[in-house]
Amino acid sequence: MADKLVYSKIRQNIGAENFDIIVSGAAAISQNIAGFFSAIKMPVFEGYGLTETSPVIAVSNRNPHGREVGYVGQPLPGIEVKIADNGEICCRGHNVMMGYYKQPELTKEVIDEEGWFHTGDMGEFDQYNRLKITGRIKSLFKTSGGKYINPDVIEAKFCASSLIEQIMVVGENQKFAGALIVPDFGFLKSWCAKEKIAFTTPQEMIQHPEVLKLMAKEVTELNKGLGETEKVKKHILLADEWSIGNGLLTPTLKIKRKVLIAKYKDVIEKMFA
């Protein structure tokens, strides 16, 4: 019934009869979105690669076990992929670039003597040789207790919340993990209207006791399932926008950690004081 009344119209409106496949890349797709597209008979095939790898390394496919939500598929034919001891994804094959133009030293930093290109991404394979991206090597940080934390995993889980638009997990050399959170103000405004909470600016909104209580409850819920050292013990709400335009996001919409840490240095120090 849903397909007849709703899903078929969605497929028609976006011209689904004119193409055979949808491929996503550049960033992870949420399970809710992937599940929705599968439900309307337009499954999304996740892929992965870099400009330096021309640009695809792996992609989901229609072979048995070739597609699973959360995985970027299996390596393409002729491309070798291995996971280094530190968890980094390394790639070797005809797709790897010759090198950075007139920058031999920079080339040596990413392509080793055996021809393996070091992607800077962390990943793992499952039993069907499907690759899963788990984070960035440079994103890892260590707490004062010597525990490594992968913020990408935590941030991906938190961003699935309808209350959270953007988040950056911090805590290098600290006793615990904290987070800077930009709420989804569209959702939050609707919630405030329903609860009859008055405000004039986003800054005023995130300082309201009921909003603070709502976000604290959400953070507690999202912490479930995380390891003790991964749990966000403290968080601070921000009314700022993180965008490409103001230099806080990359062109592929990833947060610029160093830039954000510098911008919110005082806020972060206050959180861990």
C-alpha atoms as a PDB file:
ATOM      1  CA  MET A   1       0.000   0.000   0.000  1.00  0.00           C
ATOM      2  CA  ALA A   2       2.807   2.415   0.937  1.00  0.00           C
ATOM      3  CA  ASP A   3       4.597   1.659  -2.304  1.00  0.00           C
ATOM      4  CA  LYS A   4       1.501   2.265  -4.377  1.00  0.00           C
ATOM      5  CA  LEU A   5       0.447   5.489  -2.653  1.00  0.00           C
ATOM      6  CA  VAL A   6       3.762   7.090  -1.701  1.00  0.00           C
ATOM      7  CA  TYR A   7       7.000   5.388  -2.758  1.00  0.00           C
ATOM      8  CA  SER A   8       6.070   5.035  -6.417  1.00  0.00           C
ATOM      9  CA  LYS A   9       5.374   8.790  -6.570  1.00  0.00           C
ATOM     10  CA  ILE A  10       8.760   9.570  -5.014  1.00  0.00           C
ATOM     11  CA  ARG A  11      10.494   7.387  -7.602  1.00  0.00           C
ATOM     12  CA  GLN A  12       8.529   9.061 -10.375  1.00  0.00           C
ATOM     13  CA  ASN A  13       9.228  12.599  -9.152  1.00  0.00           C
ATOM     14  CA  ILE A  14      12.992  12.124  -8.994  1.00  0.00           C
ATOM     15  CA  GLY A  15      13.127  10.275 -12.299  1.00  0.00           C
ATOM     16  CA  ALA A  16      14.063   6.846 -10.995  1.00  0.00           C
ATOM     17  CA  GLU A  17      13.039   5.224 -14.284  1.00  0.00           C
ATOM     18  CA  ASN A  18      15.955   7.026 -15.976  1.00  0.00           C
ATOM     19  CA  PHE A  19      18.766   5.532 -13.924  1.00  0.00           C
ATOM     20  CA  ASP A  20      19.752   2.150 -12.572  1.00  0.00           C
ATOM     21  CA  ILE A  21      21.818   2.831  -9.464  1.00  0.00           C
ATOM     22  CA  ILE A  22      22.518   5.421  -6.752  1.00  0.00           C
ATOM     23  CA  VAL A  23      26.066   5.666  -5.423  1.00  0.00           C
ATOM     24  CA  SER A  24      27.096   7.705  -2.393  1.00  0.00           C
ATOM     25  CA  GLY A  25      30.582   8.767  -1.389  1.00  0.00           C
ATOM     26  CA  ALA A  26      32.661  11.470   0.329  1.00  0.00           C
ATOM     27  CA  ALA A  27      31.032  10.827   3.709  1.00  0.00           C
ATOM     28  CA  ALA A  28      29.184   8.053   5.498  1.00  0.00           C
ATOM     29  CA  ILE A  29      25.456   7.789   4.848  1.00  0.00           C
ATOM     30  CA  SER A  30      23.269   7.267   7.915  1.00  0.00           C
ATOM     31  CA  GLN A  31      21.520   3.929   8.367  1.00  0.00           C
ATOM     32  CA  ASN A  32      18.143   5.686   8.528  1.00  0.00           C
ATOM     33  CA  ILE A  33      18.641   7.347   5.134  1.00  0.00           C
ATOM     34  CA  ALA A  34      20.044   4.188   3.543  1.00  0.00           C
ATOM     35  CA  GLY A  35      17.150   2.193   4.982  1.00  0.00           C
ATOM     36  CA  PHE A  36      14.610   4.654   3.613  1.00  0.00           C
ATOM     37  CA  PHE A  37      16.017   4.465   0.079  1.00  0.00           C
ATOM     38  CA  SER A  38      16.028   0.666   0.249  1.00  0.00           C
ATOM     39  CA  ALA A  39      12.405   0.728   1.397  1.00  0.00           C
ATOM     40  CA  ILE A  40      11.355   2.793  -1.629  1.00  0.00           C
ATOM     41  CA  LYS A  41      13.208   0.358  -3.924  1.00  0.00           C
ATOM     42  CA  MET A  42      16.096   2.705  -4.657  1.00  0.00           C
ATOM     43  CA  PRO A  43      19.006   1.085  -2.775  1.00  0.00           C
ATOM     44  CA  VAL A  44      22.107   3.233  -2.293  1.00  0.00           C
ATOM     45  CA  PHE A  45      25.476   1.696  -3.129  1.00  0.00           C
ATOM     46  CA  GLU A  46      28.207   3.139  -0.925  1.00  0.00           C
ATOM     47  CA  GLY A  47      31.667   3.690  -2.355  1.00  0.00           C
ATOM     48  CA  TYR A  48      35.073   4.851  -1.176  1.00  0.00           C
ATOM     49  CA  GLY A  49      38.211   6.354  -2.647  1.00  0.00           C
ATOM     50  CA  LEU A  50      40.417   9.419  -2.921  1.00  0.00           C
ATOM     51  CA  THR A  51      41.517  11.739  -5.712  1.00  0.00           C
ATOM     52  CA  GLU A  52      44.908  10.033  -5.466  1.00  0.00           C
ATOM     53  CA  THR A  53      43.284   6.663  -6.254  1.00  0.00           C
ATOM     54  CA  SER A  54      41.553   7.785  -9.460  1.00  0.00           C
ATOM     55  CA  PRO A  55      39.257   7.977  -7.383  1.00  0.00           C
ATOM     56  CA  VAL A  56      37.526   4.701  -6.428  1.00  0.00           C
ATOM     57  CA  ILE A  57      38.993   1.924  -4.273  1.00  0.00           C
ATOM     58  CA  ALA A  58      35.906  -0.012  -3.266  1.00  0.00           C
ATOM     59  CA  VAL A  59      32.177   0.104  -3.984  1.00  0.00           C
ATOM     60  CA  SER A  60      29.095  -1.910  -3.128  1.00  0.00           C
ATOM     61  CA  ASN A  61      27.755  -4.240  -5.809  1.00  0.00           C
ATOM     62  CA  ARG A  62      24.960  -6.688  -6.622  1.00  0.00           C
ATOM     63  CA  ASN A  63      27.039  -9.805  -6.038  1.00  0.00           C
ATOM     64  CA  PRO A  64      26.140 -12.042  -3.087  1.00  0.00           C
ATOM     65  CA  HIS A  65      27.090 -10.145   0.106  1.00  0.00           C
ATOM     66  CA  GLY A  66      28.227  -7.238  -2.083  1.00  0.00           C
ATOM     67  CA  ARG A  67      26.205  -4.609  -0.281  1.00  0.00           C
ATOM     68  CA  GLU A  68      25.617  -3.883   3.387  1.00  0.00           C
ATOM     69  CA  VAL A  69      24.638  -0.582   5.006  1.00  0.00           C
ATOM     70  CA  GLY A  70      27.628   0.968   6.753  1.00  0.00           C
ATOM     71  CA  TYR A  71      30.177  -0.699   4.443  1.00  0.00           C
ATOM     72  CA  VAL A  72      31.716   0.813   1.311  1.00  0.00           C
ATOM     73  CA  GLY A  73      31.698  -2.503  -0.510  1.00  0.00           C
ATOM     74  CA  GLN A  74      34.493  -4.695  -1.800  1.00  0.00           C
ATOM     75  CA  PRO A  75      37.727  -3.573  -3.510  1.00  0.00           C
ATOM     76  CA  LEU A  76      37.445  -3.263  -7.276  1.00  0.00           C
ATOM     77  CA  PRO A  77      39.188  -5.875  -9.469  1.00  0.00           C
ATOM     78  CA  GLY A  78      42.932  -5.263  -9.808  1.00  0.00           C
ATOM     79  CA  ILE A  79      43.122  -3.172  -6.640  1.00  0.00           C
ATOM     80  CA  GLU A  80      44.861  -4.461  -3.516  1.00  0.00           C
ATOM     81  CA  VAL A  81      43.727  -3.175  -0.138  1.00  0.00           C
ATOM     82  CA  LYS A  82      45.223  -4.007   3.237  1.00  0.00           C
ATOM     83  CA  ILE A  83      44.785  -2.778   6.797  1.00  0.00           C
ATOM     84  CA  ALA A  84      48.111  -1.747   8.341  1.00  0.00           C
ATOM     85  CA  ASP A  85      49.071  -2.566  11.921  1.00  0.00           C
ATOM     86  CA  ASN A  86      47.852   0.844  13.063  1.00  0.00           C
ATOM     87  CA  GLY A  87      44.466   0.320  11.388  1.00  0.00           C
ATOM     88  CA  GLU A  88      45.191   2.498   8.346  1.00  0.00           C
ATOM     89  CA  ILE A  89      43.741   1.575   4.961  1.00  0.00           C
ATOM     90  CA  CYS A  90      46.494   1.103   2.347  1.00  0.00           C
ATOM     91  CA  CYS A  91      45.873   0.683  -1.367  1.00  0.00           C
ATOM     92  CA  ARG A  92      48.031  -0.570  -4.251  1.00  0.00           C
ATOM     93  CA  GLY A  93      47.170  -0.944  -7.929  1.00  0.00           C
ATOM     94  CA  HIS A  94      46.848   0.641 -11.351  1.00  0.00           C
ATOM     95  CA  ASN A  95      44.483   3.249  -9.930  1.00  0.00           C
ATOM     96  CA  VAL A  96      47.069   4.835  -7.604  1.00  0.00           C
ATOM     97  CA  MET A  97      48.584   8.109  -8.813  1.00  0.00           C
ATOM     98  CA  MET A  98      52.216   8.359  -9.940  1.00  0.00           C
ATOM     99  CA  GLY A  99      52.757  11.094  -7.367  1.00  0.00           C
ATOM    100  CA  TYR A 100      52.073  14.705  -6.475  1.00  0.00           C
ATOM    101  CA  TYR A 101      53.208  17.029  -9.271  1.00  0.00           C
ATOM    102  CA  LYS A 102      56.749  18.261  -8.617  1.00  0.00           C
ATOM    103  CA  GLN A 103      56.505  17.289  -4.930  1.00  0.00           C
ATOM    104  CA  PRO A 104      58.608  14.115  -4.507  1.00  0.00           C
ATOM    105  CA  GLU A 105      58.997  14.506  -0.744  1.00  0.00           C
ATOM    106  CA  LEU A 106      55.259  14.784  -0.242  1.00  0.00           C
ATOM    107  CA  THR A 107      54.792  11.764  -2.511  1.00  0.00           C
ATOM    108  CA  LYS A 108      57.167   9.708  -0.344  1.00  0.00           C
ATOM    109  CA  GLU A 109      55.052  10.517   2.677  1.00  0.00           C
ATOM    110  CA  VAL A 110      52.001   8.755   1.239  1.00  0.00           C
ATOM    111  CA  ILE A 111      53.420   6.087  -1.116  1.00  0.00           C
ATOM    112  CA  ASP A 112      55.914   3.679   0.449  1.00  0.00           C
ATOM    113  CA  GLU A 113      58.725   1.733  -1.260  1.00  0.00           C
ATOM    114  CA  GLU A 114      56.425  -1.207  -1.971  1.00  0.00           C
ATOM    115  CA  GLY A 115      53.932   0.997  -3.781  1.00  0.00           C
ATOM    116  CA  TRP A 116      51.296   1.093  -1.051  1.00  0.00           C
ATOM    117  CA  PHE A 117      49.356   4.345  -0.885  1.00  0.00           C
ATOM    118  CA  HIS A 118      48.545   5.296   2.719  1.00  0.00           C
ATOM    119  CA  THR A 119      45.067   6.811   2.734  1.00  0.00           C
ATOM    120  CA  GLY A 120      45.053   8.291   6.237  1.00  0.00           C
ATOM    121  CA  ASP A 121      41.696   6.585   6.837  1.00  0.00           C
ATOM    122  CA  MET A 122      41.123   3.782   9.311  1.00  0.00           C
ATOM    123  CA  GLY A 123      39.087   0.726   8.404  1.00  0.00           C
ATOM    124  CA  GLU A 124      38.354  -2.958   8.773  1.00  0.00           C
ATOM    125  CA  PHE A 125      37.127  -5.864   6.650  1.00  0.00           C
ATOM    126  CA  ASP A 126      34.305  -8.239   7.495  1.00  0.00           C
ATOM    127  CA  GLN A 127      34.068 -11.924   6.560  1.00  0.00           C
ATOM    128  CA  TYR A 128      32.776 -11.038   3.081  1.00  0.00           C
ATOM    129  CA  ASN A 129      35.724  -8.740   2.299  1.00  0.00           C
ATOM    130  CA  ARG A 130      33.534  -5.659   2.653  1.00  0.00           C
ATOM    131  CA  LEU A 131      35.380  -2.588   3.803  1.00  0.00           C
ATOM    132  CA  LYS A 132      34.169  -0.364   6.615  1.00  0.00           C
ATOM    133  CA  ILE A 133      35.609   3.099   7.282  1.00  0.00           C
ATOM    134  CA  THR A 134      36.058   3.635  11.017  1.00  0.00           C
ATOM    135  CA  GLY A 135      37.746   7.045  11.173  1.00  0.00           C
ATOM    136  CA  ARG A 136      40.812   9.111  10.390  1.00  0.00           C
ATOM    137  CA  ILE A 137      44.294   8.371  11.731  1.00  0.00           C
ATOM    138  CA  LYS A 138      44.829  12.083  12.446  1.00  0.00           C
ATOM    139  CA  SER A 139      41.554  12.264  14.379  1.00  0.00           C
ATOM    140  CA  LEU A 140      42.673   9.792  17.053  1.00  0.00           C
ATOM    141  CA  PHE A 141      43.652  11.260  20.378  1.00  0.00           C
ATOM    142  CA  LYS A 142      44.843   9.873  23.686  1.00  0.00           C
ATOM    143  CA  THR A 143      43.411  10.715  27.095  1.00  0.00           C
ATOM    144  CA  SER A 144      45.607  11.477  30.093  1.00  0.00           C
ATOM    145  CA  GLY A 145      45.005   7.865  31.142  1.00  0.00           C
ATOM    146  CA  GLY A 146      46.631   6.572  27.952  1.00  0.00           C
ATOM    147  CA  LYS A 147      43.409   5.414  26.249  1.00  0.00           C
ATOM    148  CA  TYR A 148      42.982   6.087  22.532  1.00  0.00           C
ATOM    149  CA  ILE A 149      39.653   7.556  21.423  1.00  0.00           C
ATOM    150  CA  ASN A 150      38.316   7.551  17.868  1.00  0.00           C
ATOM    151  CA  PRO A 151      36.079  10.647  17.760  1.00  0.00           C
ATOM    152  CA  ASP A 152      34.694   9.841  14.308  1.00  0.00           C
ATOM    153  CA  VAL A 153      32.751   6.851  15.666  1.00  0.00           C
ATOM    154  CA  ILE A 154      31.264   8.861  18.528  1.00  0.00           C
ATOM    155  CA  GLU A 155      30.394  11.816  16.298  1.00  0.00           C
ATOM    156  CA  ALA A 156      28.675   9.594  13.732  1.00  0.00           C
ATOM    157  CA  LYS A 157      26.472   8.098  16.452  1.00  0.00           C
ATOM    158  CA  PHE A 158      25.578  11.481  17.942  1.00  0.00           C
ATOM    159  CA  CYS A 159      24.819  13.064  14.557  1.00  0.00           C
ATOM    160  CA  ALA A 160      22.102  10.452  14.012  1.00  0.00           C
ATOM    161  CA  SER A 161      20.111  12.281  16.693  1.00  0.00           C
ATOM    162  CA  SER A 162      17.408  14.662  15.467  1.00  0.00           C
ATOM    163  CA  LEU A 163      18.570  17.117  18.134  1.00  0.00           C
ATOM    164  CA  ILE A 164      22.164  17.387  16.943  1.00  0.00           C
ATOM    165  CA  GLU A 165      23.305  19.095  13.743  1.00  0.00           C
ATOM    166  CA  GLN A 166      27.086  19.093  14.293  1.00  0.00           C
ATOM    167  CA  ILE A 167      29.489  17.844  16.943  1.00  0.00           C
ATOM    168  CA  MET A 168      33.200  17.705  17.659  1.00  0.00           C
ATOM    169  CA  VAL A 169      34.536  15.355  20.330  1.00  0.00           C
ATOM    170  CA  VAL A 170      37.605  16.611  22.211  1.00  0.00           C
ATOM    171  CA  GLY A 171      39.681  15.419  25.134  1.00  0.00           C
ATOM    172  CA  GLU A 172      43.317  14.989  24.118  1.00  0.00           C
ATOM    173  CA  ASN A 173      45.439  14.620  27.279  1.00  0.00           C
ATOM    174  CA  GLN A 174      42.308  15.056  29.396  1.00  0.00           C
ATOM    175  CA  LYS A 175      40.721  12.611  31.833  1.00  0.00           C
ATOM    176  CA  PHE A 176      37.579  12.144  29.750  1.00  0.00           C
ATOM    177  CA  ALA A 177      35.947  12.942  26.407  1.00  0.00           C
ATOM    178  CA  GLY A 178      33.910  16.099  25.980  1.00  0.00           C
ATOM    179  CA  ALA A 179      32.007  17.561  23.063  1.00  0.00           C
ATOM    180  CA  LEU A 180      31.093  20.840  21.392  1.00  0.00           C
ATOM    181  CA  ILE A 181      27.560  20.486  20.029  1.00  0.00           C
ATOM    182  CA  VAL A 182      25.648  22.618  17.539  1.00  0.00           C
ATOM    183  CA  PRO A 183      21.957  21.676  17.931  1.00  0.00           C
ATOM    184  CA  ASP A 184      19.564  21.203  15.050  1.00  0.00           C
ATOM    185  CA  PHE A 185      17.836  24.544  15.521  1.00  0.00           C
ATOM    186  CA  GLY A 186      15.008  23.680  13.160  1.00  0.00           C
ATOM    187  CA  PHE A 187      14.009  20.766  15.369  1.00  0.00           C
ATOM    188  CA  LEU A 188      14.755  22.678  18.559  1.00  0.00           C
ATOM    189  CA  LYS A 189      12.565  25.650  17.550  1.00  0.00           C
ATOM    190  CA  SER A 190       9.633  23.302  16.956  1.00  0.00           C
ATOM    191  CA  TRP A 191      10.217  21.663  20.323  1.00  0.00           C
ATOM    192  CA  CYS A 192      10.397  25.031  22.084  1.00  0.00           C
ATOM    193  CA  ALA A 193       7.156  26.144  20.430  1.00  0.00           C
ATOM    194  CA  LYS A 194       5.440  22.956  21.569  1.00  0.00           C
ATOM    195  CA  GLU A 195       6.747  23.422  25.129  1.00  0.00           C
ATOM    196  CA  LYS A 196       5.878  27.147  25.077  1.00  0.00           C
ATOM    197  CA  ILE A 197       9.490  28.164  25.689  1.00  0.00           C
ATOM    198  CA  ALA A 198      10.094  31.781  24.683  1.00  0.00           C
ATOM    199  CA  PHE A 199      13.370  32.942  23.126  1.00  0.00           C
ATOM    200  CA  THR A 200      14.641  35.643  20.797  1.00  0.00           C
ATOM    201  CA  THR A 201      17.980  34.236  19.584  1.00  0.00           C
ATOM    202  CA  PRO A 202      19.568  30.800  19.227  1.00  0.00           C
ATOM    203  CA  GLN A 203      22.067  31.813  21.927  1.00  0.00           C
ATOM    204  CA  GLU A 204      19.221  32.521  24.329  1.00  0.00           C
ATOM    205  CA  MET A 205      17.543  29.249  23.371  1.00  0.00           C
ATOM    206  CA  ILE A 206      20.522  27.033  24.222  1.00  0.00           C
ATOM    207  CA  GLN A 207      20.845  28.680  27.626  1.00  0.00           C
ATOM    208  CA  HIS A 208      17.289  27.857  28.676  1.00  0.00           C
ATOM    209  CA  PRO A 209      17.197  25.319  31.562  1.00  0.00           C
ATOM    210  CA  GLU A 210      14.644  23.083  29.820  1.00  0.00           C
ATOM    211  CA  VAL A 211      16.710  22.971  26.622  1.00  0.00           C
ATOM    212  CA  LEU A 212      19.841  22.150  28.629  1.00  0.00           C
ATOM    213  CA  LYS A 213      17.927  19.381  30.391  1.00  0.00           C
ATOM    214  CA  LEU A 214      16.662  18.000  27.061  1.00  0.00           C
ATOM    215  CA  MET A 215      20.167  17.904  25.545  1.00  0.00           C
ATOM    216  CA  ALA A 216      21.683  16.367  28.673  1.00  0.00           C
ATOM    217  CA  LYS A 217      19.090  13.579  28.535  1.00  0.00           C
ATOM    218  CA  GLU A 218      19.838  13.021  24.842  1.00  0.00           C
ATOM    219  CA  VAL A 219      23.600  12.835  25.448  1.00  0.00           C
ATOM    220  CA  THR A 220      23.040  10.290  28.237  1.00  0.00           C
ATOM    221  CA  GLU A 221      20.944   8.163  25.891  1.00  0.00           C
ATOM    222  CA  LEU A 222      23.487   8.400  23.047  1.00  0.00           C
ATOM    223  CA  ASN A 223      26.313   7.368  25.392  1.00  0.00           C
ATOM    224  CA  LYS A 224      24.693   3.964  25.816  1.00  0.00           C
ATOM    225  CA  GLY A 225      26.665   1.300  23.986  1.00  0.00           C
ATOM    226  CA  LEU A 226      29.905   3.293  24.023  1.00  0.00           C
ATOM    227  CA  GLY A 227      32.939   2.222  26.022  1.00  0.00           C
ATOM    228  CA  GLU A 228      33.534   3.984  29.322  1.00  0.00           C
ATOM    229  CA  THR A 229      36.394   6.068  27.922  1.00  0.00           C
ATOM    230  CA  GLU A 230      34.310   6.929  24.812  1.00  0.00           C
ATOM    231  CA  LYS A 231      31.342   8.336  26.704  1.00  0.00           C
ATOM    232  CA  VAL A 232      30.869  12.105  26.419  1.00  0.00           C
ATOM    233  CA  LYS A 233      31.116  13.174  30.069  1.00  0.00           C
ATOM    234  CA  LYS A 234      30.676  16.925  29.457  1.00  0.00           C
ATOM    235  CA  HIS A 235      29.306  18.944  26.567  1.00  0.00           C
ATOM    236  CA  ILE A 236      28.789  22.580  25.644  1.00  0.00           C
ATOM    237  CA  LEU A 237      26.098  23.850  23.280  1.00  0.00           C
ATOM    238  CA  LEU A 238      27.021  26.389  20.616  1.00  0.00           C
ATOM    239  CA  ALA A 239      24.822  28.698  18.575  1.00  0.00           C
ATOM    240  CA  ASP A 240      27.415  29.078  15.798  1.00  0.00           C
ATOM    241  CA  GLU A 241      27.147  27.690  12.284  1.00  0.00           C
ATOM    242  CA  TRP A 242      29.961  25.481  11.007  1.00  0.00           C
ATOM    243  CA  SER A 243      30.135  25.811   7.245  1.00  0.00           C
ATOM    244  CA  ILE A 244      32.461  25.798   4.258  1.00  0.00           C
ATOM    245  CA  GLY A 245      31.910  29.532   3.941  1.00  0.00           C
ATOM    246  CA  ASN A 246      33.309  30.419   7.356  1.00  0.00           C
ATOM    247  CA  GLY A 247      36.207  27.975   6.979  1.00  0.00           C
ATOM    248  CA  LEU A 248      35.118  25.484   9.637  1.00  0.00           C
ATOM    249  CA  LEU A 249      34.208  22.655   7.235  1.00  0.00           C
ATOM    250  CA  THR A 250      36.129  21.116   4.344  1.00  0.00           C
ATOM    251  CA  PRO A 251      34.608  21.050   0.824  1.00  0.00           C
ATOM    252  CA  THR A 252      33.402  17.512   1.630  1.00  0.00           C
ATOM    253  CA  LEU A 253      31.669  18.817   4.795  1.00  0.00           C
ATOM    254  CA  LYS A 254      34.134  17.335   7.272  1.00  0.00           C
ATOM    255  CA  ILE A 255      34.955  19.403  10.338  1.00  0.00           C
ATOM    256  CA  LYS A 256      38.349  21.097  10.464  1.00  0.00           C
ATOM    257  CA  ARG A 257      39.427  19.924  13.911  1.00  0.00           C
ATOM    258  CA  LYS A 258      42.518  22.072  14.303  1.00  0.00           C
ATOM    259  CA  VAL A 259      40.655  25.191  13.203  1.00  0.00           C
ATOM    260  CA  LEU A 260      37.731  24.488  15.524  1.00  0.00           C
ATOM    261  CA  ILE A 261      40.001  23.672  18.465  1.00  0.00           C
ATOM    262  CA  ALA A 262      41.811  26.982  17.964  1.00  0.00           C
ATOM    263  CA  LYS A 263      38.545  28.918  17.586  1.00  0.00           C
ATOM    264  CA  TYR A 264      36.988  27.441  20.732  1.00  0.00           C
ATOM    265  CA  LYS A 265      40.176  27.180  22.792  1.00  0.00           C
ATOM    266  CA  ASP A 266      38.714  29.095  25.736  1.00  0.00           C
ATOM    267  CA  VAL A 267      35.444  27.145  25.636  1.00  0.00           C
ATOM    268  CA  ILE A 268      37.272  23.811  25.640  1.00  0.00           C
ATOM    269  CA  GLU A 269      39.548  24.864  28.497  1.00  0.00           C
ATOM    270  CA  LYS A 270      36.486  25.907  30.494  1.00  0.00           C
ATOM    271  CA  MET A 271      34.863  22.519  29.890  1.00  0.00           C
ATOM    272  CA  PHE A 272      37.847  20.631  31.281  1.00  0.00           C
ATOM    273  CA  ALA A 273      38.627  23.087  34.096  1.00  0.00           C
END
